[in-house]
Amino acid sequence: MRAAIGLTGQFTAVDELITAEENLLLMARLRHLRRPRERAAELLRRFDLVDAARKPVSTFSGGMRRRLDLALGGYLWSRHLYDHRIA
């Protein structure tokens, strides 16, 4: 069950020195996911980051960083994503 749950915190946890695509590929490879490029491309589409995929994250707006963080925090490998904040 633990492997099926993703977590994202209040502050973004992305590497600002590399691109969105590289962030997704790095995490996919660290998690030993199959077809990391395909998964990264799927998430870039899902989170509307295709146009910014190859730009450094340091150039992103706050909203773009948050979308990337959500992709990295849960959707990359999980079926469920929990935000620690109470609605």
Protein backbone atom coordinates (compact mmCIF):
# COMPACT_ATOMS: atom_id res chain seq x y z
CA MET A 1 0.00 0.00 0.00
CA ARG A 2 2.80 2.42 0.87
CA ALA A 3 4.24 2.23 -2.65
CA ALA A 4 0.90 3.36 -4.10
CA ILE A 5 0.79 6.63 -2.14
CA GLY A 6 2.50 9.88 -3.17
CA LEU A 7 3.14 12.88 -0.97
CA THR A 8 3.65 16.52 -1.70
CA GLY A 9 4.44 19.21 0.82
CA GLN A 10 3.63 22.89 1.14
CA PHE A 11 6.84 24.03 -0.55
CA THR A 12 8.03 22.81 -3.92
CA ALA A 13 10.87 20.33 -3.96
CA VAL A 14 12.22 20.59 -7.49
CA ASP A 15 15.75 21.12 -8.74
CA GLU A 16 15.76 24.62 -10.20
CA LEU A 17 19.06 24.16 -12.05
CA ILE A 18 17.72 21.56 -14.48
CA THR A 19 14.68 21.40 -16.74
CA ALA A 20 11.21 20.06 -15.93
CA GLU A 21 11.85 17.10 -18.21
CA GLU A 22 15.18 16.36 -16.51
CA ASN A 23 13.52 16.54 -13.06
CA LEU A 24 10.91 13.99 -14.13
CA LEU A 25 13.48 11.71 -15.78
CA LEU A 26 15.74 11.85 -12.75
CA MET A 27 13.00 10.83 -10.36
CA ALA A 28 11.66 8.15 -12.72
CA ARG A 29 15.12 6.61 -12.98
CA LEU A 30 15.69 6.80 -9.22
CA ARG A 31 12.41 4.92 -8.78
CA HIS A 32 13.47 2.39 -11.46
CA LEU A 33 10.32 2.99 -13.48
CA ARG A 34 9.92 1.37 -16.85
CA ARG A 35 9.89 3.70 -19.86
CA PRO A 36 10.88 6.88 -17.98
CA ARG A 37 10.80 9.06 -21.12
CA GLU A 38 7.27 8.03 -21.95
CA ARG A 39 6.12 8.61 -18.35
CA ALA A 40 7.80 12.03 -18.27
CA ALA A 41 6.17 13.03 -21.57
CA GLU A 42 2.77 11.89 -20.31
CA LEU A 43 3.11 13.97 -17.13
CA LEU A 44 4.35 17.03 -19.01
CA ARG A 45 1.16 16.83 -21.11
CA ARG A 46 -1.10 16.14 -18.14
CA PHE A 47 0.26 19.10 -16.18
CA ASP A 48 0.39 21.45 -19.19
CA LEU A 49 4.18 21.82 -19.09
CA VAL A 50 5.07 20.66 -22.61
CA ASP A 51 6.09 24.13 -23.81
CA ALA A 52 8.33 24.60 -20.77
CA ALA A 53 9.72 21.06 -20.65
CA ARG A 54 13.24 22.00 -21.72
CA LYS A 55 13.52 25.31 -19.85
CA PRO A 56 15.29 25.58 -16.50
CA VAL A 57 12.84 25.37 -13.61
CA SER A 58 14.37 28.60 -12.24
CA THR A 59 12.48 30.44 -15.02
CA PHE A 60 9.08 28.99 -14.01
CA SER A 61 6.26 30.87 -12.34
CA GLY A 62 5.09 29.69 -8.93
CA GLY A 63 2.14 27.88 -10.46
CA MET A 64 4.32 26.04 -12.95
CA ARG A 65 6.67 24.95 -10.17
CA ARG A 66 3.72 23.69 -8.16
CA ARG A 67 2.41 21.66 -11.11
CA LEU A 68 5.86 20.13 -11.61
CA ASP A 69 6.08 19.38 -7.89
CA LEU A 70 2.71 17.62 -8.01
CA ALA A 71 3.88 15.55 -10.98
CA LEU A 72 7.07 14.62 -9.13
CA GLY A 73 5.46 14.15 -5.73
CA GLY A 74 2.80 11.71 -6.61
CA TYR A 75 1.65 11.27 -10.13
CA LEU A 76 5.05 10.05 -11.33
CA TRP A 77 4.64 6.69 -9.65
CA SER A 78 1.50 6.69 -7.50
CA ARG A 79 -2.15 6.08 -8.03
CA HIS A 80 -3.08 8.24 -5.03
CA LEU A 81 -1.82 11.65 -3.99
CA TYR A 82 -2.36 13.26 -0.61
CA ASP A 83 -1.73 16.89 0.15
CA HIS A 84 -0.83 17.49 3.78
CA ARG A 85 -3.04 20.58 4.01
CA ILE A 86 -6.58 20.26 5.29
CA ALA A 87 -9.19 21.74 2.95
